[in-house]
Amino acid sequence: QVQLVESGGGLVQAGGSLRLSCAASGGIFRFSTMGWYRQASGKQRELVATITSSGSTNYGDSVKGRFTISRDNAENTVYLQMNSLNPEDTAVYYCNAQGILLVKFEVWGQGTQVAVFS
């Protein structure tokens, strides 16, 4: 059973930075495309960033140039470095793992709250 555990959320002033981490257990990390998604209150969940098993990245338009996703396959961990945060970045951030290993799989973490105040 795969589990994803996020950490690193919190309260930060606008213009500041936070680094989120997502630790994966269950042995599928190196086969997975890992991603970060977020959901603000009253809004739909949206893509923040993804990184494939080979390291290719993709970012949502609202975070391009400010956020960086990376992964450490030896530590089974994916990171999201968030810089130049603004109040519109306030949301619950969810880690996601998906891929195909005999069958298609997708797993979500429990989420971590990020709140940015001006």
N, C-alpha and C. Protein backbone atom coordinates (compact mmCIF):
# COMPACT_ATOMS: atom_id res chain seq x y z
N GLN A 1 0.84 -1.18 0.00
CA GLN A 1 0.00 0.00 0.00
C GLN A 1 0.89 1.24 0.00
N VAL A 2 0.64 2.11 -0.96
CA VAL A 2 1.44 3.31 -1.08
C VAL A 2 0.86 4.40 -0.20
N GLN A 3 1.71 5.11 0.49
CA GLN A 3 1.29 6.25 1.28
C GLN A 3 2.15 7.45 0.96
N LEU A 4 1.51 8.62 0.95
CA LEU A 4 2.20 9.88 0.73
C LEU A 4 1.98 10.75 1.96
N VAL A 5 3.03 11.31 2.49
CA VAL A 5 2.93 12.15 3.68
C VAL A 5 3.58 13.49 3.38
N GLU A 6 2.75 14.55 3.37
CA GLU A 6 3.26 15.90 3.11
C GLU A 6 3.68 16.57 4.41
N SER A 7 4.60 17.51 4.28
CA SER A 7 5.02 18.34 5.40
C SER A 7 5.56 19.65 4.85
N GLY A 8 5.69 20.63 5.74
CA GLY A 8 6.31 21.89 5.35
C GLY A 8 5.36 23.05 5.17
N GLY A 9 4.06 22.81 5.28
CA GLY A 9 3.13 23.91 5.16
C GLY A 9 3.18 24.83 6.37
N GLY A 10 2.49 25.96 6.25
CA GLY A 10 2.47 26.88 7.37
C GLY A 10 1.99 28.25 6.96
N LEU A 11 2.25 29.22 7.83
CA LEU A 11 1.84 30.60 7.64
C LEU A 11 3.07 31.42 7.27
N VAL A 12 2.95 32.19 6.20
CA VAL A 12 4.10 32.98 5.74
C VAL A 12 3.61 34.32 5.22
N GLN A 13 4.44 35.32 5.35
CA GLN A 13 4.12 36.65 4.84
C GLN A 13 4.32 36.71 3.34
N ALA A 14 3.52 37.53 2.67
CA ALA A 14 3.66 37.70 1.23
C ALA A 14 5.10 38.08 0.88
N GLY A 15 5.59 37.46 -0.19
CA GLY A 15 6.97 37.66 -0.59
C GLY A 15 7.93 36.63 -0.03
N GLY A 16 7.45 35.85 0.93
CA GLY A 16 8.28 34.85 1.56
C GLY A 16 8.33 33.54 0.80
N SER A 17 8.96 32.56 1.43
CA SER A 17 9.17 31.25 0.80
C SER A 17 8.80 30.13 1.76
N LEU A 18 8.42 29.02 1.17
CA LEU A 18 8.19 27.78 1.91
C LEU A 18 8.66 26.63 1.04
N ARG A 19 9.04 25.54 1.70
CA ARG A 19 9.41 24.32 0.98
C ARG A 19 8.55 23.18 1.49
N LEU A 20 7.78 22.59 0.60
CA LEU A 20 6.97 21.44 0.94
C LEU A 20 7.71 20.16 0.59
N SER A 21 7.48 19.14 1.40
CA SER A 21 8.07 17.83 1.15
C SER A 21 6.95 16.79 1.12
N CYS A 22 7.16 15.75 0.34
CA CYS A 22 6.22 14.63 0.29
C CYS A 22 7.02 13.34 0.26
N ALA A 23 6.90 12.58 1.32
CA ALA A 23 7.61 11.31 1.43
C ALA A 23 6.69 10.17 1.02
N ALA A 24 7.19 9.32 0.16
CA ALA A 24 6.39 8.20 -0.36
C ALA A 24 6.90 6.88 0.20
N SER A 25 5.99 6.04 0.58
CA SER A 25 6.33 4.68 1.01
C SER A 25 5.60 3.71 0.10
N GLY A 26 6.08 2.49 0.02
CA GLY A 26 5.38 1.50 -0.76
C GLY A 26 6.09 1.04 -2.00
N GLY A 27 7.23 1.61 -2.33
CA GLY A 27 8.07 1.04 -3.38
C GLY A 27 7.79 1.47 -4.79
N ILE A 28 6.84 2.40 -5.02
CA ILE A 28 6.51 2.76 -6.39
C ILE A 28 7.07 4.11 -6.80
N PHE A 29 7.76 4.76 -5.88
CA PHE A 29 8.15 6.15 -6.11
C PHE A 29 8.90 6.31 -7.42
N ARG A 30 9.88 5.46 -7.65
CA ARG A 30 10.74 5.67 -8.82
C ARG A 30 10.01 5.42 -10.13
N PHE A 31 8.83 4.81 -10.07
CA PHE A 31 8.04 4.57 -11.28
C PHE A 31 6.98 5.65 -11.50
N SER A 32 6.87 6.55 -10.54
CA SER A 32 5.74 7.46 -10.51
C SER A 32 6.06 8.84 -11.08
N THR A 33 5.06 9.41 -11.73
CA THR A 33 5.04 10.86 -11.94
C THR A 33 4.49 11.45 -10.66
N MET A 34 5.27 12.34 -10.05
CA MET A 34 4.87 12.97 -8.80
C MET A 34 4.36 14.37 -9.08
N GLY A 35 3.39 14.79 -8.30
CA GLY A 35 2.83 16.11 -8.55
C GLY A 35 2.36 16.78 -7.28
N TRP A 36 2.24 18.07 -7.38
CA TRP A 36 1.62 18.89 -6.34
C TRP A 36 0.39 19.57 -6.95
N TYR A 37 -0.70 19.50 -6.22
CA TYR A 37 -1.94 20.17 -6.59
C TYR A 37 -2.38 20.99 -5.40
N ARG A 38 -3.24 21.96 -5.63
CA ARG A 38 -3.73 22.76 -4.52
C ARG A 38 -5.21 23.04 -4.68
N GLN A 39 -5.84 23.27 -3.55
CA GLN A 39 -7.26 23.60 -3.55
C GLN A 39 -7.51 24.71 -2.55
N ALA A 40 -7.90 25.85 -3.07
CA ALA A 40 -8.26 26.97 -2.21
C ALA A 40 -9.72 26.84 -1.82
N SER A 41 -10.08 27.49 -0.73
CA SER A 41 -11.44 27.42 -0.22
C SER A 41 -12.44 27.86 -1.28
N GLY A 42 -13.42 27.02 -1.57
CA GLY A 42 -14.45 27.36 -2.53
C GLY A 42 -14.06 27.20 -3.98
N LYS A 43 -12.86 26.69 -4.24
CA LYS A 43 -12.39 26.54 -5.62
C LYS A 43 -12.06 25.07 -5.92
N GLN A 44 -11.92 24.77 -7.21
CA GLN A 44 -11.56 23.43 -7.61
C GLN A 44 -10.07 23.19 -7.41
N ARG A 45 -9.72 21.92 -7.25
CA ARG A 45 -8.32 21.56 -7.14
C ARG A 45 -7.62 21.85 -8.47
N GLU A 46 -6.41 22.41 -8.40
CA GLU A 46 -5.69 22.77 -9.61
C GLU A 46 -4.26 22.27 -9.57
N LEU A 47 -3.71 22.08 -10.76
CA LEU A 47 -2.33 21.65 -10.90
C LEU A 47 -1.37 22.75 -10.44
N VAL A 48 -0.39 22.37 -9.65
CA VAL A 48 0.71 23.27 -9.31
C VAL A 48 1.94 22.88 -10.14
N ALA A 49 2.36 21.62 -10.02
CA ALA A 49 3.54 21.17 -10.75
C ALA A 49 3.60 19.66 -10.75
N THR A 50 4.22 19.10 -11.78
CA THR A 50 4.47 17.67 -11.84
C THR A 50 5.91 17.42 -12.27
N ILE A 51 6.41 16.25 -11.91
CA ILE A 51 7.74 15.83 -12.33
C ILE A 51 7.69 14.34 -12.63
N THR A 52 8.16 13.96 -13.81
CA THR A 52 8.13 12.55 -14.20
C THR A 52 9.28 11.78 -13.55
N SER A 53 9.26 10.49 -13.74
CA SER A 53 10.32 9.65 -13.18
C SER A 53 11.68 9.99 -13.79
N SER A 54 11.68 10.56 -15.00
CA SER A 54 12.93 10.94 -15.65
C SER A 54 13.32 12.38 -15.39
N GLY A 55 12.47 13.11 -14.64
CA GLY A 55 12.82 14.47 -14.24
C GLY A 55 12.22 15.58 -15.06
N SER A 56 11.37 15.27 -16.02
CA SER A 56 10.71 16.32 -16.78
C SER A 56 9.65 17.00 -15.93
N THR A 57 9.59 18.31 -16.01
CA THR A 57 8.69 19.08 -15.15
C THR A 57 7.63 19.83 -15.95
N ASN A 58 6.53 20.11 -15.26
CA ASN A 58 5.44 20.88 -15.84
C ASN A 58 4.85 21.72 -14.72
N TYR A 59 4.50 22.98 -15.03
CA TYR A 59 3.99 23.90 -14.00
C TYR A 59 2.68 24.54 -14.43
N GLY A 60 1.83 24.80 -13.44
CA GLY A 60 0.67 25.60 -13.69
C GLY A 60 1.07 27.03 -14.01
N ASP A 61 0.28 27.71 -14.82
CA ASP A 61 0.65 29.05 -15.27
C ASP A 61 0.85 30.02 -14.11
N SER A 62 0.06 29.88 -13.06
CA SER A 62 0.11 30.85 -11.97
C SER A 62 1.36 30.74 -11.11
N VAL A 63 2.12 29.66 -11.24
CA VAL A 63 3.30 29.48 -10.39
C VAL A 63 4.60 29.45 -11.18
N LYS A 64 4.52 29.50 -12.49
CA LYS A 64 5.73 29.46 -13.31
C LYS A 64 6.68 30.59 -12.93
N GLY A 65 7.94 30.23 -12.77
CA GLY A 65 8.95 31.21 -12.41
C GLY A 65 9.08 31.47 -10.92
N ARG A 66 8.13 30.97 -10.14
CA ARG A 66 8.17 31.17 -8.67
C ARG A 66 8.35 29.87 -7.91
N PHE A 67 7.78 28.80 -8.41
CA PHE A 67 7.83 27.50 -7.73
C PHE A 67 8.74 26.56 -8.51
N THR A 68 9.39 25.66 -7.77
CA THR A 68 10.24 24.65 -8.39
C THR A 68 9.96 23.29 -7.76
N ILE A 69 9.67 22.32 -8.61
CA ILE A 69 9.46 20.95 -8.13
C ILE A 69 10.73 20.15 -8.39
N SER A 70 11.06 19.28 -7.44
CA SER A 70 12.23 18.41 -7.60
C SER A 70 11.95 17.10 -6.88
N ARG A 71 12.78 16.11 -7.17
CA ARG A 71 12.59 14.81 -6.53
C ARG A 71 13.93 14.21 -6.19
N ASP A 72 13.93 13.43 -5.10
CA ASP A 72 15.11 12.69 -4.67
C ASP A 72 14.71 11.23 -4.66
N ASN A 73 15.10 10.50 -5.69
CA ASN A 73 14.67 9.11 -5.80
C ASN A 73 15.31 8.23 -4.72
N ALA A 74 16.46 8.61 -4.23
CA ALA A 74 17.11 7.83 -3.17
C ALA A 74 16.34 7.95 -1.85
N GLU A 75 15.69 9.11 -1.66
CA GLU A 75 14.95 9.36 -0.43
C GLU A 75 13.44 9.18 -0.61
N ASN A 76 13.01 8.82 -1.83
CA ASN A 76 11.57 8.66 -2.11
C ASN A 76 10.78 9.90 -1.72
N THR A 77 11.33 11.06 -2.06
CA THR A 77 10.72 12.32 -1.63
C THR A 77 10.65 13.28 -2.81
N VAL A 78 9.54 14.00 -2.87
CA VAL A 78 9.39 15.08 -3.84
C VAL A 78 9.23 16.38 -3.07
N TYR A 79 9.80 17.45 -3.63
CA TYR A 79 9.80 18.74 -2.97
C TYR A 79 9.11 19.79 -3.84
N LEU A 80 8.60 20.81 -3.19
CA LEU A 80 8.09 21.98 -3.89
C LEU A 80 8.64 23.21 -3.20
N GLN A 81 9.57 23.86 -3.86
CA GLN A 81 10.11 25.12 -3.36
C GLN A 81 9.24 26.25 -3.87
N MET A 82 8.68 27.01 -2.95
CA MET A 82 7.75 28.08 -3.30
C MET A 82 8.35 29.42 -2.88
N ASN A 83 8.62 30.26 -3.85
CA ASN A 83 9.18 31.58 -3.61
C ASN A 83 8.19 32.66 -4.04
N SER A 84 8.43 33.87 -3.57
CA SER A 84 7.58 35.01 -3.92
C SER A 84 6.11 34.69 -3.72
N LEU A 85 5.81 34.14 -2.57
CA LEU A 85 4.43 33.75 -2.29
C LEU A 85 3.53 34.97 -2.16
N ASN A 86 2.30 34.82 -2.58
CA ASN A 86 1.30 35.87 -2.44
C ASN A 86 0.02 35.27 -1.88
N PRO A 87 -0.90 36.10 -1.41
CA PRO A 87 -2.11 35.57 -0.76
C PRO A 87 -2.92 34.62 -1.66
N GLU A 88 -2.79 34.78 -2.98
CA GLU A 88 -3.52 33.89 -3.90
C GLU A 88 -2.97 32.46 -3.89
N ASP A 89 -1.82 32.27 -3.27
CA ASP A 89 -1.24 30.93 -3.14
C ASP A 89 -1.79 30.18 -1.94
N THR A 90 -2.61 30.85 -1.13
CA THR A 90 -3.19 30.22 0.05
C THR A 90 -4.11 29.08 -0.38
N ALA A 91 -3.84 27.88 0.13
CA ALA A 91 -4.60 26.69 -0.26
C ALA A 91 -4.11 25.49 0.55
N VAL A 92 -4.84 24.40 0.43
CA VAL A 92 -4.32 23.12 0.89
C VAL A 92 -3.57 22.50 -0.29
N TYR A 93 -2.34 22.11 -0.04
CA TYR A 93 -1.49 21.54 -1.08
C TYR A 93 -1.44 20.02 -0.92
N TYR A 94 -1.71 19.33 -2.01
CA TYR A 94 -1.77 17.87 -2.00
C TYR A 94 -0.68 17.28 -2.87
N CYS A 95 -0.06 16.25 -2.36
CA CYS A 95 0.92 15.48 -3.12
C CYS A 95 0.19 14.36 -3.87
N ASN A 96 0.66 14.06 -5.05
CA ASN A 96 0.03 13.04 -5.90
C ASN A 96 1.09 12.17 -6.55
N ALA A 97 0.81 10.88 -6.61
CA ALA A 97 1.67 9.94 -7.33
C ALA A 97 0.81 9.17 -8.30
N GLN A 98 1.28 9.06 -9.54
CA GLN A 98 0.52 8.29 -10.52
C GLN A 98 1.46 7.66 -11.52
N GLY A 99 0.99 6.56 -12.10
CA GLY A 99 1.79 5.86 -13.09
C GLY A 99 1.14 4.56 -13.48
N ILE A 100 1.90 3.76 -14.17
CA ILE A 100 1.42 2.44 -14.59
C ILE A 100 2.45 1.40 -14.20
N LEU A 101 2.04 0.46 -13.37
CA LEU A 101 2.89 -0.65 -12.96
C LEU A 101 2.01 -1.89 -12.99
N LEU A 102 1.96 -2.54 -14.12
CA LEU A 102 0.98 -3.59 -14.44
C LEU A 102 -0.42 -2.98 -14.58
N VAL A 103 -0.83 -2.21 -13.62
CA VAL A 103 -2.10 -1.49 -13.70
C VAL A 103 -1.84 -0.02 -13.40
N LYS A 104 -2.79 0.81 -13.80
CA LYS A 104 -2.66 2.24 -13.52
C LYS A 104 -2.91 2.48 -12.04
N PHE A 105 -2.12 3.38 -11.44
CA PHE A 105 -2.33 3.71 -10.05
C PHE A 105 -2.29 5.22 -9.86
N GLU A 106 -2.97 5.67 -8.83
CA GLU A 106 -2.95 7.07 -8.43
C GLU A 106 -3.19 7.14 -6.94
N VAL A 107 -2.35 7.91 -6.26
CA VAL A 107 -2.43 8.03 -4.81
C VAL A 107 -2.34 9.51 -4.45
N TRP A 108 -3.12 9.91 -3.43
CA TRP A 108 -3.10 11.27 -2.91
C TRP A 108 -2.63 11.29 -1.47
N GLY A 109 -1.93 12.33 -1.11
CA GLY A 109 -1.61 12.58 0.28
C GLY A 109 -2.78 13.26 0.98
N GLN A 110 -2.59 13.52 2.27
CA GLN A 110 -3.68 14.07 3.09
C GLN A 110 -3.77 15.59 2.97
N GLY A 111 -2.73 16.21 2.44
CA GLY A 111 -2.73 17.66 2.25
C GLY A 111 -2.03 18.40 3.38
N THR A 112 -1.47 19.55 3.02
CA THR A 112 -0.84 20.42 4.00
C THR A 112 -1.26 21.85 3.70
N GLN A 113 -1.61 22.60 4.73
CA GLN A 113 -2.14 23.94 4.56
C GLN A 113 -1.02 24.96 4.38
N VAL A 114 -1.17 25.81 3.38
CA VAL A 114 -0.29 26.95 3.19
C VAL A 114 -1.16 28.21 3.25
N ALA A 115 -0.78 29.14 4.10
CA ALA A 115 -1.52 30.40 4.23
C ALA A 115 -0.54 31.56 4.09
N VAL A 116 -0.85 32.46 3.17
CA VAL A 116 0.02 33.61 2.90
C VAL A 116 -0.75 34.88 3.26
N PHE A 117 -0.17 35.69 4.14
CA PHE A 117 -0.83 36.93 4.54
C PHE A 117 -0.04 38.13 4.04
N SER A 118 -0.77 39.19 3.77
CA SER A 118 -0.13 40.41 3.24
C SER A 118 0.12 41.43 4.34
